[in-house]
Amino acid sequence: RVVLTTLTGRTFLWESTEARDMTAVKDPAVRGRWAQILQEEDVSLPTQGDKETTMHSIFIQDETVGDCCLCSFVFTVEEKLSVTILKIEWGDHVERHLSQVPYSVKWVTQTYPMAKLTPQCRPVKSRGALVSAISGDGLVLAIAVNQRDPKATQVLFVSTLNFITVCSSLKGCGSKELQIPAKYVRSYWVGSVSWTPDSLYLACVLKRGALLLVTRLGPLL
């Protein structure tokens, strides 16, 4: 299976039509079929003008979330943070949808007023302002919310099951009490995030090279 997604939410699914172990395939040509995953009318997706958009996708086979693919799209709409999650699920009890293997498609959008986050945040319509990653177990979406004031930069943990959130401050990203000149502010932004294999910790790497480790749903270590 392959999922191809653009930042604006156009999503395509490829599935192999060959009943063989792909790890043992020596022939470079593998037969399969493409299908477009259509969005629902009430779903909010980013536009090309939303330069801050971040997306992440992951395939999971787990007793809790099932056999599925999760894709997340995070961007800002006015003064709110918009989170949209696409779930493509395979199994015996889901609808058959343009595929030899039955799968169901579910889109969910949730918005969060940025002024109610802790610390309080403001939208930053700039590339790299948001960075995200879904945990290996598929249960938590971590969103690094970069701000022009490093003291407000934080990680927002979002449950992929019920969209309950937990805020975790990054304590100024090492800026302490210094007044950072505007031209250096981006060096204190989180440039990438990655979960540990057990999904218990989130590693955040700043653009200036510093590494921050955050516990799952908890504080900065």
Protein backbone atom coordinates (compact mmCIF):
# COMPACT_ATOMS: atom_id res chain seq x y z
CA ARG A 1 0.00 0.00 0.00
CA VAL A 2 1.12 3.54 -0.78
CA VAL A 3 -0.56 6.81 0.13
CA LEU A 4 0.32 9.93 -1.86
CA THR A 5 -0.84 13.20 -0.34
CA THR A 6 -0.39 16.88 -1.13
CA LEU A 7 -0.33 19.65 1.48
CA THR A 8 -3.75 20.77 0.25
CA GLY A 9 -5.28 17.39 1.08
CA ARG A 10 -5.50 15.69 -2.32
CA THR A 11 -4.95 12.04 -1.44
CA PHE A 12 -4.41 8.96 -3.58
CA LEU A 13 -4.17 5.34 -2.46
CA TRP A 14 -2.23 2.61 -4.31
CA GLU A 15 -2.77 -1.04 -3.43
CA SER A 16 -1.02 -4.08 -4.84
CA THR A 17 -3.26 -6.52 -6.66
CA GLU A 18 -0.72 -9.33 -6.37
CA ALA A 19 -1.07 -11.90 -3.60
CA ARG A 20 2.59 -12.28 -2.77
CA ASP A 21 5.11 -11.07 -0.22
CA MET A 22 6.41 -7.71 -1.46
CA THR A 23 9.67 -8.10 0.48
CA ALA A 24 10.59 -11.05 -1.75
CA VAL A 25 9.69 -9.44 -5.07
CA LYS A 26 12.67 -9.21 -7.45
CA ASP A 27 10.72 -7.99 -10.46
CA PRO A 28 10.78 -4.14 -10.45
CA ALA A 29 7.24 -4.06 -11.88
CA VAL A 30 4.50 -4.67 -9.30
CA ARG A 31 0.87 -4.62 -10.34
CA GLY A 32 -1.59 -2.50 -8.42
CA ARG A 33 -4.31 0.08 -8.72
CA TRP A 34 -4.76 3.71 -7.75
CA ALA A 35 -7.86 5.28 -6.22
CA GLN A 36 -8.48 8.87 -5.16
CA ILE A 37 -9.66 9.43 -1.61
CA LEU A 38 -12.38 12.05 -1.84
CA GLN A 39 -12.85 14.55 0.95
CA GLU A 40 -16.15 15.19 2.66
CA GLU A 41 -17.91 18.54 2.32
CA ASP A 42 -17.66 19.52 5.98
CA VAL A 43 -13.89 18.88 6.17
CA SER A 44 -11.49 21.80 6.45
CA LEU A 45 -8.28 21.47 4.42
CA PRO A 46 -5.44 23.93 3.81
CA THR A 47 -5.02 26.03 0.67
CA GLN A 48 -1.85 26.84 -1.22
CA GLY A 49 -1.70 30.13 0.69
CA ASP A 50 -1.40 28.36 4.05
CA LYS A 51 2.39 28.18 4.02
CA GLU A 52 2.54 27.02 7.65
CA THR A 53 0.73 23.76 6.83
CA THR A 54 2.27 20.56 8.15
CA MET A 55 1.16 17.03 7.37
CA HIS A 56 2.18 13.55 8.43
CA SER A 57 0.99 10.04 7.55
CA ILE A 58 1.61 6.60 8.99
CA PHE A 59 0.46 3.01 8.41
CA ILE A 60 -0.48 1.11 11.56
CA GLN A 61 -1.57 -2.41 12.47
CA ASP A 62 -2.65 -2.38 16.09
CA GLU A 63 -5.43 -3.84 18.24
CA THR A 64 -6.51 -0.37 19.37
CA VAL A 65 -6.65 1.51 16.05
CA GLY A 66 -6.85 -1.51 13.73
CA ASP A 67 -5.28 -1.92 10.31
CA CYS A 68 -5.25 1.62 9.00
CA CYS A 69 -3.46 4.64 7.57
CA LEU A 70 -3.66 7.96 9.41
CA CYS A 71 -2.96 11.28 7.69
CA SER A 72 -2.95 14.57 9.57
CA PHE A 73 -3.17 18.12 8.22
CA VAL A 74 -2.47 21.03 10.57
CA PHE A 75 -2.74 24.72 9.67
CA THR A 76 -4.20 27.98 10.99
CA VAL A 77 -7.53 29.54 10.11
CA GLU A 78 -7.84 33.11 11.37
CA GLU A 79 -7.09 32.84 15.13
CA LYS A 80 -7.58 29.07 15.34
CA LEU A 81 -5.43 25.99 14.87
CA SER A 82 -7.18 23.58 12.52
CA VAL A 83 -6.46 19.84 12.76
CA THR A 84 -7.88 17.45 10.16
CA ILE A 85 -7.27 13.71 10.36
CA LEU A 86 -7.98 11.22 7.59
CA LYS A 87 -8.34 7.57 8.56
CA ILE A 88 -8.31 4.83 5.93
CA GLU A 89 -9.19 1.54 7.61
CA TRP A 90 -9.07 -2.00 6.29
CA GLY A 91 -10.90 -4.96 7.79
CA ASP A 92 -13.78 -7.41 7.51
CA HIS A 93 -16.37 -5.01 8.88
CA VAL A 94 -15.77 -1.90 6.82
CA GLU A 95 -17.35 -0.88 3.54
CA ARG A 96 -15.87 -1.90 0.20
CA HIS A 97 -14.74 1.27 -1.54
CA LEU A 98 -13.21 1.12 -5.04
CA SER A 99 -10.87 -1.67 -4.01
CA GLN A 100 -10.51 -5.43 -4.01
CA VAL A 101 -9.66 -5.09 -0.33
CA PRO A 102 -12.48 -3.43 1.65
CA TYR A 103 -11.63 -0.17 3.38
CA SER A 104 -13.48 2.73 4.88
CA VAL A 105 -12.64 6.43 4.77
CA LYS A 106 -13.26 8.88 7.61
CA TRP A 107 -12.38 12.57 7.77
CA VAL A 108 -12.55 14.59 11.01
CA THR A 109 -11.74 18.27 11.58
CA GLN A 110 -11.31 19.98 14.94
CA THR A 111 -10.29 23.58 15.64
CA TYR A 112 -8.61 25.07 18.72
CA PRO A 113 -8.51 28.79 19.61
CA MET A 114 -4.82 29.62 19.80
CA ALA A 115 -5.43 32.22 22.51
CA LYS A 116 -6.59 29.40 24.81
CA LEU A 117 -3.42 27.34 24.46
CA THR A 118 -0.90 27.38 27.30
CA PRO A 119 1.22 29.43 26.79
CA GLN A 120 -1.06 31.66 24.73
CA CYS A 121 -0.24 31.61 21.01
CA ARG A 122 -0.89 33.58 17.84
CA PRO A 123 -1.08 32.36 14.23
CA VAL A 124 2.20 32.52 12.31
CA LYS A 125 1.57 32.26 8.56
CA SER A 126 5.08 31.22 7.67
CA ARG A 127 6.66 28.05 6.34
CA GLY A 128 7.98 25.93 9.23
CA ALA A 129 5.76 27.53 11.87
CA LEU A 130 4.06 24.17 12.50
CA VAL A 131 5.73 20.75 12.67
CA SER A 132 3.87 17.51 13.39
CA ALA A 133 4.25 13.76 13.84
CA ILE A 134 1.83 10.94 14.67
CA SER A 135 3.05 8.50 17.34
CA GLY A 136 3.97 4.97 16.29
CA ASP A 137 0.88 3.54 17.99
CA GLY A 138 -1.33 6.03 16.13
CA LEU A 139 -2.95 7.39 19.28
CA VAL A 140 -1.33 10.81 19.60
CA LEU A 141 -0.58 13.60 17.14
CA ALA A 142 2.20 15.91 18.34
CA ILE A 143 2.26 19.45 16.95
CA ALA A 144 5.16 21.82 17.55
CA VAL A 145 3.67 25.33 17.51
CA ASN A 146 6.50 27.78 16.79
CA GLN A 147 6.04 31.39 17.84
CA ARG A 148 7.87 34.66 17.25
CA ASP A 149 8.39 34.76 21.01
CA PRO A 150 10.28 31.54 21.91
CA LYS A 151 8.71 31.57 25.38
CA ALA A 152 5.33 30.79 23.80
CA THR A 153 6.58 27.95 21.58
CA GLN A 154 5.06 24.66 22.69
CA VAL A 155 4.05 21.13 21.76
CA LEU A 156 0.34 20.38 21.51
CA PHE A 157 -0.56 16.72 21.95
CA VAL A 158 -3.85 15.75 20.27
CA SER A 159 -5.61 12.42 20.75
CA THR A 160 -6.44 10.90 17.36
CA LEU A 161 -9.41 9.12 18.96
CA ASN A 162 -11.30 11.96 20.70
CA PHE A 163 -9.24 15.12 19.91
CA ILE A 164 -8.58 15.89 23.58
CA THR A 165 -5.46 18.05 23.86
CA VAL A 166 -2.56 18.57 26.27
CA CYS A 167 -0.19 21.55 26.01
CA SER A 168 3.50 21.22 26.86
CA SER A 169 5.66 24.35 27.03
CA LEU A 170 9.21 24.16 25.65
CA LYS A 171 10.36 26.68 28.26
CA GLY A 172 11.67 29.24 25.83
CA CYS A 173 13.65 26.73 23.72
CA GLY A 174 16.83 27.68 25.57
CA SER A 175 16.41 31.44 25.11
CA LYS A 176 16.10 31.92 28.90
CA GLU A 177 15.27 35.55 29.65
CA LEU A 178 17.16 36.98 26.68
CA GLN A 179 15.50 39.28 24.17
CA ILE A 180 16.13 37.49 20.88
CA PRO A 181 16.70 39.78 17.87
CA ALA A 182 14.08 39.25 15.17
CA LYS A 183 16.62 37.89 12.67
CA TYR A 184 17.56 35.07 15.09
CA VAL A 185 14.07 34.08 16.24
CA ARG A 186 13.73 31.27 13.67
CA SER A 187 16.87 29.60 15.01
CA TYR A 188 14.86 28.87 18.17
CA TRP A 189 12.05 27.24 16.18
CA VAL A 190 11.50 23.50 16.23
CA GLY A 191 12.67 22.25 12.85
CA SER A 192 11.71 18.58 13.16
CA VAL A 193 10.06 16.18 15.60
CA SER A 194 10.26 12.41 15.96
CA TRP A 195 8.79 9.88 18.36
CA THR A 196 10.94 7.25 20.05
CA PRO A 197 10.15 3.64 18.99
CA ASP A 198 8.04 3.09 22.12
CA SER A 199 6.10 6.35 21.53
CA LEU A 200 6.87 7.49 25.10
CA TYR A 201 9.06 10.46 24.21
CA LEU A 202 9.08 13.12 21.53
CA ALA A 203 12.41 14.44 20.27
CA CYS A 204 12.34 18.06 19.07
CA VAL A 205 15.33 19.41 17.15
CA LEU A 206 15.66 23.18 16.96
CA LYS A 207 16.94 24.89 13.83
CA ARG A 208 19.98 25.97 15.84
CA GLY A 209 20.84 22.30 16.50
CA ALA A 210 19.63 21.89 20.09
CA LEU A 211 17.74 18.72 21.05
CA LEU A 212 14.73 18.87 23.38
CA LEU A 213 13.06 15.75 24.76
CA VAL A 214 9.41 15.87 25.80
CA THR A 215 7.56 13.10 27.61
CA ARG A 216 4.35 11.84 25.99
CA LEU A 217 1.50 14.10 27.17
CA GLY A 218 3.94 15.51 29.72
CA PRO A 219 6.56 18.19 30.32
CA LEU A 220 9.96 18.93 28.88
CA LEU A 221 12.71 16.81 30.40
